[in-house]
Structures are given as C-alpha cells and as structure tokens.
Amino acid sequence: VWMGEVEPKLPIWASTDPNAILDRVPTLASEFEIVVIDGPGSLDEVTRTIALVADKLVIPCVPGMFDARATQTFVTVLNRLRDIRGGRPSILLVKNKVQTNTHLSNDLREAATTMGVPIANAEIHLRQVHSDVVTQGTVVSRYVKLSKAPAARAAAEELMQLFREVCNG
C-alpha cells in the first residue's frame, strides 16, 4: 500500500492468498524482468508460498539472539525446500537496524556463518530517516535530495549498496 502511494505508476498487486500467489507470480515473471515480493517475517503459508516461487530470498535480520534463532528456524525450512528445488531460491541475509559498535552485529555475522547462509556486505543501520520517509510519503533516495542531513545520505548509500549486491549477486 505504501509503495503504491509513493510511486503510483508502479504496477503493484497484493494478495495474502497463497493460491493466488501461485497463480499470479508466473504471469508477473513473464511480464517483468524483476518481480519483488514483500512478505511477512514468519513461517506461515504465505511466506512458504513466496519461497516456493522465488528465485532469490533476501532475509532482513535484526541483530540479536531472538531474531537469529527465528532466522535459523526459517533457514532450516528453506534448506529443505532448496533441496527439492535444486538449490533455489538463493538466500542472502541482510543485517537490518544495525547499531554501530555493538556486539550484537558481530554475533549475527557469526550466527549466519554457522547457519551456512551468505550474509550481505551491505548493512542497514538503525536511522530515524527510515521512519521519517514513511511519514513524508517518500523513499530514502528521494528524501536525500531534500535533506542535507548526513544520516539521510548514509541511509541512501547503504540501500544502494544493498540493491547493487542483490541485483548483481
């Protein structure tokens, strides 16, 4: 809903029905070079369906033991699916809401290594700008043009680094 408000010309289709997702995604994939599916961070039927049709999963994970454990459970299920699908979808873990100079961020990198999951070089830091853009009805890449704040530029650079890594990896 928010993305449709920010970019009204962007073709957006929304559903929480797993059967509708299975029916619609192949058509979308034939119409567009890239299809982005944003799903819930849980192991519900919608998330499993998304994993079933995806080529690549980008999994944001907040540094901390609870998120690392939940991610481990998710990755265990994904690895079973990947065995069935010949290694697909590929997985990339992204450290999200990172706070500089904390042990939690290092712990997450170690947990990802233990899980055998690649972790993105790009990290998304916890910044007020991510909340501000929602209330401003925009996105970071546009907001940075209006704001002179170094944090806005840093947030935009982090997101661009992540997009490049996801698209080229």
N, C-alpha and C. Protein backbone atom coordinates (compact mmCIF):
# COMPACT_ATOMS: atom_id res chain seq x y z
N VAL A 1 0.84 -1.19 0.00
CA VAL A 1 0.00 0.00 0.00
C VAL A 1 0.88 1.25 0.00
N TRP A 2 1.89 1.25 0.90
CA TRP A 2 2.75 2.43 1.00
C TRP A 2 3.50 2.67 -0.30
N MET A 3 4.04 1.62 -0.91
CA MET A 3 4.80 1.79 -2.15
C MET A 3 3.90 2.32 -3.26
N GLY A 4 2.65 1.88 -3.29
CA GLY A 4 1.70 2.39 -4.28
C GLY A 4 1.40 3.86 -4.09
N GLU A 5 1.42 4.31 -2.86
CA GLU A 5 1.22 5.74 -2.58
C GLU A 5 2.44 6.55 -2.98
N VAL A 6 3.60 6.01 -2.74
CA VAL A 6 4.85 6.70 -3.04
C VAL A 6 5.11 6.75 -4.55
N GLU A 7 4.81 5.67 -5.23
CA GLU A 7 5.06 5.57 -6.67
C GLU A 7 3.80 5.02 -7.35
N PRO A 8 2.80 5.90 -7.59
CA PRO A 8 1.51 5.45 -8.12
C PRO A 8 1.59 4.74 -9.48
N LYS A 9 2.61 5.01 -10.28
CA LYS A 9 2.72 4.37 -11.60
C LYS A 9 3.31 2.97 -11.53
N LEU A 10 3.86 2.61 -10.39
CA LEU A 10 4.47 1.29 -10.23
C LEU A 10 3.36 0.24 -10.19
N PRO A 11 3.46 -0.78 -11.04
CA PRO A 11 2.43 -1.83 -11.01
C PRO A 11 2.55 -2.66 -9.73
N ILE A 12 1.51 -2.63 -8.94
CA ILE A 12 1.51 -3.34 -7.66
C ILE A 12 0.31 -4.27 -7.61
N TRP A 13 0.56 -5.47 -7.16
CA TRP A 13 -0.50 -6.45 -6.95
C TRP A 13 -0.31 -6.99 -5.55
N ALA A 14 -1.36 -7.06 -4.78
CA ALA A 14 -1.26 -7.51 -3.40
C ALA A 14 -2.21 -8.67 -3.15
N SER A 15 -1.72 -9.63 -2.39
CA SER A 15 -2.55 -10.76 -2.00
C SER A 15 -1.96 -11.44 -0.78
N THR A 16 -2.82 -11.95 0.05
CA THR A 16 -2.38 -12.78 1.17
C THR A 16 -2.90 -14.21 1.00
N ASP A 17 -3.35 -14.51 -0.21
CA ASP A 17 -3.87 -15.84 -0.53
C ASP A 17 -2.78 -16.64 -1.23
N PRO A 18 -2.28 -17.69 -0.59
CA PRO A 18 -1.21 -18.49 -1.20
C PRO A 18 -1.55 -19.01 -2.59
N ASN A 19 -2.79 -19.44 -2.81
CA ASN A 19 -3.17 -19.94 -4.13
C ASN A 19 -3.12 -18.84 -5.18
N ALA A 20 -3.54 -17.64 -4.81
CA ALA A 20 -3.47 -16.52 -5.75
C ALA A 20 -2.03 -16.18 -6.08
N ILE A 21 -1.15 -16.29 -5.09
CA ILE A 21 0.28 -16.03 -5.34
C ILE A 21 0.83 -17.07 -6.31
N LEU A 22 0.50 -18.33 -6.10
CA LEU A 22 0.97 -19.39 -7.00
C LEU A 22 0.45 -19.18 -8.42
N ASP A 23 -0.77 -18.68 -8.54
CA ASP A 23 -1.36 -18.47 -9.86
C ASP A 23 -0.79 -17.24 -10.55
N ARG A 24 -0.56 -16.16 -9.81
CA ARG A 24 -0.23 -14.85 -10.40
C ARG A 24 1.26 -14.64 -10.65
N VAL A 25 2.12 -15.14 -9.78
CA VAL A 25 3.55 -14.84 -9.90
C VAL A 25 4.16 -15.31 -11.23
N PRO A 26 3.85 -16.49 -11.73
CA PRO A 26 4.42 -16.86 -13.03
C PRO A 26 4.05 -15.89 -14.15
N THR A 27 2.84 -15.38 -14.13
CA THR A 27 2.42 -14.39 -15.13
C THR A 27 3.21 -13.10 -14.96
N LEU A 28 3.34 -12.66 -13.71
CA LEU A 28 4.12 -11.44 -13.45
C LEU A 28 5.57 -11.61 -13.90
N ALA A 29 6.14 -12.78 -13.64
CA ALA A 29 7.53 -13.05 -14.02
C ALA A 29 7.71 -13.04 -15.53
N SER A 30 6.68 -13.39 -16.27
CA SER A 30 6.78 -13.35 -17.74
C SER A 30 6.60 -11.93 -18.28
N GLU A 31 5.96 -11.07 -17.50
CA GLU A 31 5.72 -9.69 -17.92
C GLU A 31 6.83 -8.72 -17.52
N PHE A 32 7.54 -9.03 -16.45
CA PHE A 32 8.53 -8.11 -15.90
C PHE A 32 9.87 -8.81 -15.71
N GLU A 33 10.95 -8.04 -15.87
CA GLU A 33 12.29 -8.58 -15.67
C GLU A 33 12.54 -8.93 -14.21
N ILE A 34 12.04 -8.06 -13.30
CA ILE A 34 12.21 -8.26 -11.87
C ILE A 34 10.86 -8.14 -11.19
N VAL A 35 10.54 -9.10 -10.35
CA VAL A 35 9.33 -9.07 -9.54
C VAL A 35 9.78 -9.11 -8.08
N VAL A 36 9.35 -8.14 -7.30
CA VAL A 36 9.69 -8.08 -5.88
C VAL A 36 8.46 -8.49 -5.09
N ILE A 37 8.65 -9.43 -4.20
CA ILE A 37 7.56 -9.87 -3.34
C ILE A 37 7.97 -9.56 -1.90
N ASP A 38 7.17 -8.77 -1.24
CA ASP A 38 7.42 -8.43 0.16
C ASP A 38 6.46 -9.28 0.99
N GLY A 39 7.02 -10.07 1.87
CA GLY A 39 6.18 -10.97 2.65
C GLY A 39 6.43 -10.85 4.13
N PRO A 40 5.59 -11.51 4.90
CA PRO A 40 5.73 -11.46 6.35
C PRO A 40 6.97 -12.21 6.83
N GLY A 41 7.50 -11.78 7.92
CA GLY A 41 8.68 -12.42 8.51
C GLY A 41 8.28 -13.55 9.43
N SER A 42 7.63 -14.54 8.88
CA SER A 42 7.19 -15.69 9.67
C SER A 42 7.22 -16.92 8.78
N LEU A 43 6.89 -18.04 9.35
CA LEU A 43 6.86 -19.28 8.57
C LEU A 43 5.43 -19.67 8.21
N ASP A 44 4.58 -18.69 8.02
CA ASP A 44 3.20 -19.00 7.69
C ASP A 44 3.10 -19.47 6.24
N GLU A 45 1.90 -19.82 5.82
CA GLU A 45 1.70 -20.39 4.50
C GLU A 45 2.06 -19.40 3.39
N VAL A 46 1.80 -18.11 3.61
CA VAL A 46 2.14 -17.10 2.60
C VAL A 46 3.65 -17.04 2.40
N THR A 47 4.41 -17.04 3.47
CA THR A 47 5.87 -16.98 3.37
C THR A 47 6.41 -18.24 2.69
N ARG A 48 5.89 -19.37 3.02
CA ARG A 48 6.33 -20.62 2.38
C ARG A 48 6.00 -20.61 0.89
N THR A 49 4.86 -20.05 0.54
CA THR A 49 4.47 -19.96 -0.87
C THR A 49 5.41 -19.02 -1.62
N ILE A 50 5.75 -17.90 -1.01
CA ILE A 50 6.68 -16.96 -1.63
C ILE A 50 8.02 -17.66 -1.86
N ALA A 51 8.49 -18.40 -0.87
CA ALA A 51 9.76 -19.12 -1.01
C ALA A 51 9.68 -20.15 -2.14
N LEU A 52 8.51 -20.71 -2.34
CA LEU A 52 8.32 -21.72 -3.38
C LEU A 52 8.44 -21.13 -4.78
N VAL A 53 8.01 -19.88 -4.97
CA VAL A 53 8.04 -19.27 -6.30
C VAL A 53 9.24 -18.36 -6.53
N ALA A 54 10.02 -18.09 -5.49
CA ALA A 54 11.12 -17.14 -5.59
C ALA A 54 12.38 -17.75 -6.18
N ASP A 55 13.15 -16.90 -6.85
CA ASP A 55 14.49 -17.28 -7.29
C ASP A 55 15.53 -16.89 -6.25
N LYS A 56 15.24 -15.80 -5.51
CA LYS A 56 16.17 -15.28 -4.52
C LYS A 56 15.37 -14.75 -3.34
N LEU A 57 15.83 -15.06 -2.13
CA LEU A 57 15.20 -14.53 -0.93
C LEU A 57 16.21 -13.64 -0.21
N VAL A 58 15.79 -12.43 0.06
CA VAL A 58 16.59 -11.51 0.85
C VAL A 58 15.92 -11.46 2.22
N ILE A 59 16.65 -11.89 3.23
CA ILE A 59 16.08 -12.02 4.56
C ILE A 59 16.69 -10.97 5.48
N PRO A 60 15.92 -9.94 5.82
CA PRO A 60 16.44 -8.97 6.78
C PRO A 60 16.40 -9.56 8.18
N CYS A 61 17.45 -9.33 8.94
CA CYS A 61 17.53 -9.86 10.29
C CYS A 61 18.10 -8.79 11.21
N VAL A 62 17.39 -8.54 12.28
CA VAL A 62 17.84 -7.58 13.28
C VAL A 62 18.86 -8.28 14.18
N PRO A 63 20.00 -7.64 14.44
CA PRO A 63 20.98 -8.27 15.33
C PRO A 63 20.39 -8.57 16.70
N GLY A 64 20.57 -9.77 17.14
CA GLY A 64 20.06 -10.20 18.44
C GLY A 64 19.75 -11.68 18.42
N MET A 65 19.78 -12.29 19.56
CA MET A 65 19.62 -13.74 19.65
C MET A 65 18.23 -14.20 19.22
N PHE A 66 17.17 -13.45 19.55
CA PHE A 66 15.82 -13.89 19.20
C PHE A 66 15.64 -13.93 17.68
N ASP A 67 16.10 -12.88 17.00
CA ASP A 67 15.99 -12.86 15.54
C ASP A 67 16.87 -13.92 14.91
N ALA A 68 18.05 -14.12 15.45
CA ALA A 68 18.96 -15.14 14.91
C ALA A 68 18.34 -16.53 15.04
N ARG A 69 17.69 -16.80 16.17
CA ARG A 69 17.04 -18.11 16.35
C ARG A 69 15.87 -18.28 15.39
N ALA A 70 15.06 -17.23 15.24
CA ALA A 70 13.92 -17.30 14.31
C ALA A 70 14.43 -17.49 12.88
N THR A 71 15.50 -16.80 12.55
CA THR A 71 16.08 -16.93 11.21
C THR A 71 16.62 -18.34 11.01
N GLN A 72 17.24 -18.91 12.03
CA GLN A 72 17.75 -20.28 11.93
C GLN A 72 16.62 -21.26 11.63
N THR A 73 15.48 -21.11 12.29
CA THR A 73 14.32 -21.96 12.04
C THR A 73 13.85 -21.80 10.60
N PHE A 74 13.79 -20.56 10.14
CA PHE A 74 13.36 -20.26 8.78
C PHE A 74 14.32 -20.87 7.77
N VAL A 75 15.61 -20.72 8.01
CA VAL A 75 16.62 -21.25 7.09
C VAL A 75 16.57 -22.77 7.04
N THR A 76 16.29 -23.42 8.15
CA THR A 76 16.17 -24.88 8.17
C THR A 76 15.06 -25.33 7.22
N VAL A 77 13.92 -24.67 7.28
CA VAL A 77 12.80 -24.99 6.38
C VAL A 77 13.20 -24.66 4.94
N LEU A 78 13.83 -23.51 4.73
CA LEU A 78 14.25 -23.12 3.38
C LEU A 78 15.23 -24.12 2.78
N ASN A 79 16.13 -24.62 3.58
CA ASN A 79 17.10 -25.58 3.06
C ASN A 79 16.44 -26.86 2.59
N ARG A 80 15.36 -27.27 3.25
CA ARG A 80 14.60 -28.43 2.77
C ARG A 80 13.99 -28.12 1.41
N LEU A 81 13.42 -26.93 1.28
CA LEU A 81 12.83 -26.50 0.01
C LEU A 81 13.91 -26.40 -1.07
N ARG A 82 15.06 -25.86 -0.71
CA ARG A 82 16.16 -25.72 -1.67
C ARG A 82 16.64 -27.08 -2.15
N ASP A 83 16.63 -28.09 -1.30
CA ASP A 83 16.99 -29.44 -1.71
C ASP A 83 16.02 -29.94 -2.78
N ILE A 84 14.75 -29.67 -2.59
CA ILE A 84 13.72 -30.11 -3.54
C ILE A 84 13.83 -29.34 -4.85
N ARG A 85 14.15 -28.04 -4.76
CA ARG A 85 14.17 -27.17 -5.94
C ARG A 85 15.56 -27.02 -6.55
N GLY A 86 16.47 -27.89 -6.24
CA GLY A 86 17.80 -27.85 -6.86
C GLY A 86 18.60 -26.61 -6.49
N GLY A 87 18.50 -26.19 -5.23
CA GLY A 87 19.30 -25.05 -4.75
C GLY A 87 18.58 -23.71 -4.80
N ARG A 88 17.37 -23.69 -5.31
CA ARG A 88 16.62 -22.44 -5.36
C ARG A 88 15.59 -22.41 -4.25
N PRO A 89 15.30 -21.29 -3.71
CA PRO A 89 15.85 -19.98 -4.02
C PRO A 89 17.20 -19.77 -3.34
N SER A 90 17.99 -18.88 -3.94
CA SER A 90 19.22 -18.49 -3.25
C SER A 90 18.81 -17.61 -2.07
N ILE A 91 19.67 -17.56 -1.09
CA ILE A 91 19.36 -16.83 0.15
C ILE A 91 20.46 -15.80 0.42
N LEU A 92 20.06 -14.63 0.85
CA LEU A 92 21.01 -13.61 1.28
C LEU A 92 20.46 -12.97 2.55
N LEU A 93 21.21 -13.08 3.62
CA LEU A 93 20.83 -12.48 4.89
C LEU A 93 21.34 -11.05 4.94
N VAL A 94 20.49 -10.13 5.39
CA VAL A 94 20.87 -8.72 5.48
C VAL A 94 20.73 -8.26 6.92
N LYS A 95 21.82 -7.72 7.44
CA LYS A 95 21.75 -7.15 8.79
C LYS A 95 20.96 -5.85 8.71
N ASN A 96 19.87 -5.79 9.46
CA ASN A 96 18.96 -4.66 9.44
C ASN A 96 18.87 -4.04 10.84
N LYS A 97 18.68 -2.73 10.88
CA LYS A 97 18.59 -1.99 12.16
C LYS A 97 19.87 -2.17 12.98
N VAL A 98 20.98 -2.13 12.29
CA VAL A 98 22.29 -2.30 12.92
C VAL A 98 22.63 -1.05 13.73
N GLN A 99 23.15 -1.28 14.90
CA GLN A 99 23.66 -0.18 15.73
C GLN A 99 25.17 -0.31 15.78
N THR A 100 25.83 0.78 15.45
CA THR A 100 27.29 0.78 15.37
C THR A 100 27.91 0.44 16.72
N ASN A 101 29.02 -0.26 16.66
CA ASN A 101 29.82 -0.61 17.83
C ASN A 101 29.07 -1.45 18.86
N THR A 102 28.29 -2.41 18.40
CA THR A 102 27.64 -3.32 19.34
C THR A 102 28.09 -4.75 19.03
N HIS A 103 28.09 -5.56 20.05
CA HIS A 103 28.46 -6.96 19.87
C HIS A 103 27.38 -7.73 19.12
N LEU A 104 26.14 -7.25 19.19
CA LEU A 104 25.05 -7.97 18.55
C LEU A 104 25.26 -8.12 17.05
N SER A 105 25.80 -7.08 16.41
CA SER A 105 26.02 -7.15 14.97
C SER A 105 27.06 -8.21 14.62
N ASN A 106 28.11 -8.29 15.40
CA ASN A 106 29.13 -9.32 15.17
C ASN A 106 28.56 -10.72 15.45
N ASP A 107 27.71 -10.82 16.48
CA ASP A 107 27.10 -12.10 16.80
C ASP A 107 26.23 -12.59 15.65
N LEU A 108 25.55 -11.67 14.98
CA LEU A 108 24.69 -12.05 13.86
C LEU A 108 25.52 -12.60 12.70
N ARG A 109 26.65 -11.97 12.44
CA ARG A 109 27.53 -12.47 11.38
C ARG A 109 28.01 -13.89 11.70
N GLU A 110 28.36 -14.13 12.94
CA GLU A 110 28.80 -15.46 13.35
C GLU A 110 27.65 -16.47 13.23
N ALA A 111 26.44 -16.06 13.62
CA ALA A 111 25.27 -16.95 13.52
C ALA A 111 24.99 -17.30 12.06
N ALA A 112 25.11 -16.33 11.17
CA ALA A 112 24.88 -16.58 9.74
C ALA A 112 25.90 -17.57 9.19
N THR A 113 27.13 -17.42 9.63
CA THR A 113 28.18 -18.35 9.20
C THR A 113 27.86 -19.76 9.69
N THR A 114 27.42 -19.87 10.91
CA THR A 114 27.04 -21.17 11.48
C THR A 114 25.89 -21.79 10.70
N MET A 115 24.93 -20.96 10.28
CA MET A 115 23.78 -21.44 9.52
C MET A 115 24.16 -21.82 8.09
N GLY A 116 25.32 -21.35 7.63
CA GLY A 116 25.73 -21.59 6.26
C GLY A 116 25.00 -20.70 5.27
N VAL A 117 24.60 -19.54 5.73
CA VAL A 117 23.85 -18.59 4.90
C VAL A 117 24.76 -17.43 4.54
N PRO A 118 24.81 -17.06 3.26
CA PRO A 118 25.60 -15.88 2.90
C PRO A 118 24.99 -14.63 3.53
N ILE A 119 25.85 -13.76 3.96
CA ILE A 119 25.40 -12.51 4.57
C ILE A 119 25.88 -11.35 3.70
N ALA A 120 24.98 -10.41 3.47
CA ALA A 120 25.29 -9.27 2.61
C ALA A 120 26.40 -8.43 3.23
N ASN A 121 27.23 -7.86 2.38
CA ASN A 121 28.22 -6.91 2.85
C ASN A 121 27.53 -5.62 3.28
N ALA A 122 26.47 -5.27 2.59
CA ALA A 122 25.70 -4.07 2.93
C ALA A 122 24.97 -4.30 4.25
N GLU A 123 24.98 -3.29 5.07
CA GLU A 123 24.25 -3.32 6.35
C GLU A 123 23.34 -2.10 6.39
N ILE A 124 22.14 -2.30 6.88
CA ILE A 124 21.19 -1.20 7.00
C ILE A 124 21.17 -0.79 8.48
N HIS A 125 21.65 0.40 8.75
CA HIS A 125 21.74 0.87 10.13
C HIS A 125 20.41 1.44 10.62
N LEU A 126 20.23 1.37 11.93
CA LEU A 126 19.05 1.93 12.56
C LEU A 126 19.16 3.45 12.49
N ARG A 127 18.28 4.07 11.69
CA ARG A 127 18.32 5.52 11.50
C ARG A 127 16.89 6.06 11.50
N GLN A 128 16.74 7.23 12.06
CA GLN A 128 15.45 7.90 12.10
C GLN A 128 14.90 8.16 10.70
N VAL A 129 15.77 8.34 9.74
CA VAL A 129 15.35 8.67 8.38
C VAL A 129 14.42 7.59 7.81
N HIS A 130 14.59 6.34 8.20
CA HIS A 130 13.73 5.27 7.68
C HIS A 130 12.29 5.44 8.15
N SER A 131 12.09 5.99 9.33
CA SER A 131 10.74 6.30 9.81
C SER A 131 10.24 7.60 9.19
N ASP A 132 11.13 8.56 9.04
CA ASP A 132 10.75 9.86 8.50
C ASP A 132 10.20 9.77 7.08
N VAL A 133 10.80 8.93 6.24
CA VAL A 133 10.35 8.86 4.85
C VAL A 133 8.91 8.36 4.75
N VAL A 134 8.52 7.48 5.64
CA VAL A 134 7.15 6.97 5.62
C VAL A 134 6.17 8.10 5.92
N THR A 135 6.47 8.89 6.96
CA THR A 135 5.57 9.99 7.30
C THR A 135 5.59 11.09 6.24
N GLN A 136 6.68 11.18 5.49
CA GLN A 136 6.79 12.17 4.42
C GLN A 136 6.21 11.67 3.10
N GLY A 137 5.82 10.40 3.06
CA GLY A 137 5.27 9.83 1.84
C GLY A 137 6.28 9.72 0.72
N THR A 138 7.50 9.35 1.07
CA THR A 138 8.56 9.25 0.07
C THR A 138 9.46 8.06 0.38
N VAL A 139 10.56 7.96 -0.32
CA VAL A 139 11.56 6.93 -0.09
C VAL A 139 12.90 7.61 0.16
N VAL A 140 13.84 6.88 0.69
CA VAL A 140 15.13 7.46 1.08
C VAL A 140 15.83 8.12 -0.10
N SER A 141 15.80 7.49 -1.27
CA SER A 141 16.52 8.06 -2.42
C SER A 141 15.96 9.41 -2.85
N ARG A 142 14.70 9.66 -2.61
CA ARG A 142 14.11 10.98 -2.91
C ARG A 142 14.31 11.94 -1.74
N TYR A 143 14.17 11.43 -0.55
CA TYR A 143 14.29 12.24 0.66
C TYR A 143 15.68 12.86 0.76
N VAL A 144 16.69 12.11 0.37
CA VAL A 144 18.06 12.58 0.47
C VAL A 144 18.28 13.84 -0.36
N LYS A 145 17.51 14.01 -1.43
CA LYS A 145 17.63 15.21 -2.27
C LYS A 145 17.07 16.44 -1.58
N LEU A 146 16.14 16.23 -0.64
CA LEU A 146 15.52 17.33 0.09
C LEU A 146 16.26 17.64 1.39
N SER A 147 16.91 16.64 1.93
CA SER A 147 17.54 16.78 3.24
C SER A 147 19.04 16.96 3.08
N LYS A 148 19.59 17.77 3.91
CA LYS A 148 21.05 17.96 3.93
C LYS A 148 21.69 17.09 5.02
N ALA A 149 20.87 16.31 5.70
CA ALA A 149 21.37 15.51 6.82
C ALA A 149 22.32 14.41 6.36
N PRO A 150 23.47 14.31 6.98
CA PRO A 150 24.41 13.24 6.65
C PRO A 150 23.80 11.84 6.83
N ALA A 151 22.91 11.69 7.81
CA ALA A 151 22.29 10.39 8.05
C ALA A 151 21.42 9.97 6.87
N ALA A 152 20.78 10.93 6.22
CA ALA A 152 19.95 10.61 5.05
C ALA A 152 20.83 10.14 3.90
N ARG A 153 21.96 10.82 3.69
CA ARG A 153 22.88 10.38 2.64
C ARG A 153 23.46 9.00 2.94
N ALA A 154 23.81 8.78 4.19
CA ALA A 154 24.36 7.48 4.58
C ALA A 154 23.32 6.37 4.38
N ALA A 155 22.06 6.64 4.73
CA ALA A 155 20.99 5.65 4.55
C ALA A 155 20.80 5.34 3.07
N ALA A 156 20.81 6.37 2.23
CA ALA A 156 20.65 6.16 0.79
C ALA A 156 21.82 5.34 0.23
N GLU A 157 23.02 5.62 0.69
CA GLU A 157 24.19 4.87 0.22
C GLU A 157 24.12 3.40 0.63
N GLU A 158 23.67 3.15 1.87
CA GLU A 158 23.53 1.76 2.33
C GLU A 158 22.52 1.00 1.48
N LEU A 159 21.38 1.62 1.21
CA LEU A 159 20.35 0.96 0.41
C LEU A 159 20.82 0.71 -1.02
N MET A 160 21.52 1.68 -1.60
CA MET A 160 22.04 1.48 -2.96
C MET A 160 23.07 0.35 -2.99
N GLN A 161 23.91 0.28 -1.96
CA GLN A 161 24.88 -0.82 -1.87
C GLN A 161 24.15 -2.16 -1.80
N LEU A 162 23.09 -2.23 -1.00
CA LEU A 162 22.33 -3.45 -0.90
C LEU A 162 21.67 -3.81 -2.23
N PHE A 163 21.05 -2.83 -2.90
CA PHE A 163 20.40 -3.10 -4.19
C PHE A 163 21.41 -3.63 -5.20
N ARG A 164 22.58 -3.01 -5.26
CA ARG A 164 23.61 -3.48 -6.19
C ARG A 164 24.02 -4.93 -5.87
N GLU A 165 24.18 -5.20 -4.59
CA GLU A 165 24.60 -6.54 -4.17
C GLU A 165 23.53 -7.59 -4.49
N VAL A 166 22.28 -7.25 -4.26
CA VAL A 166 21.18 -8.18 -4.53
C VAL A 166 21.05 -8.41 -6.05
N CYS A 167 21.13 -7.34 -6.81
CA CYS A 167 20.92 -7.46 -8.27
C CYS A 167 22.10 -8.10 -8.98
N ASN A 168 23.30 -7.93 -8.47
CA ASN A 168 24.48 -8.48 -9.13
C ASN A 168 24.90 -9.84 -8.57
N GLY A 169 24.29 -10.22 -7.46
CA GLY A 169 24.71 -11.48 -6.82
C GLY A 169 23.88 -12.66 -7.20
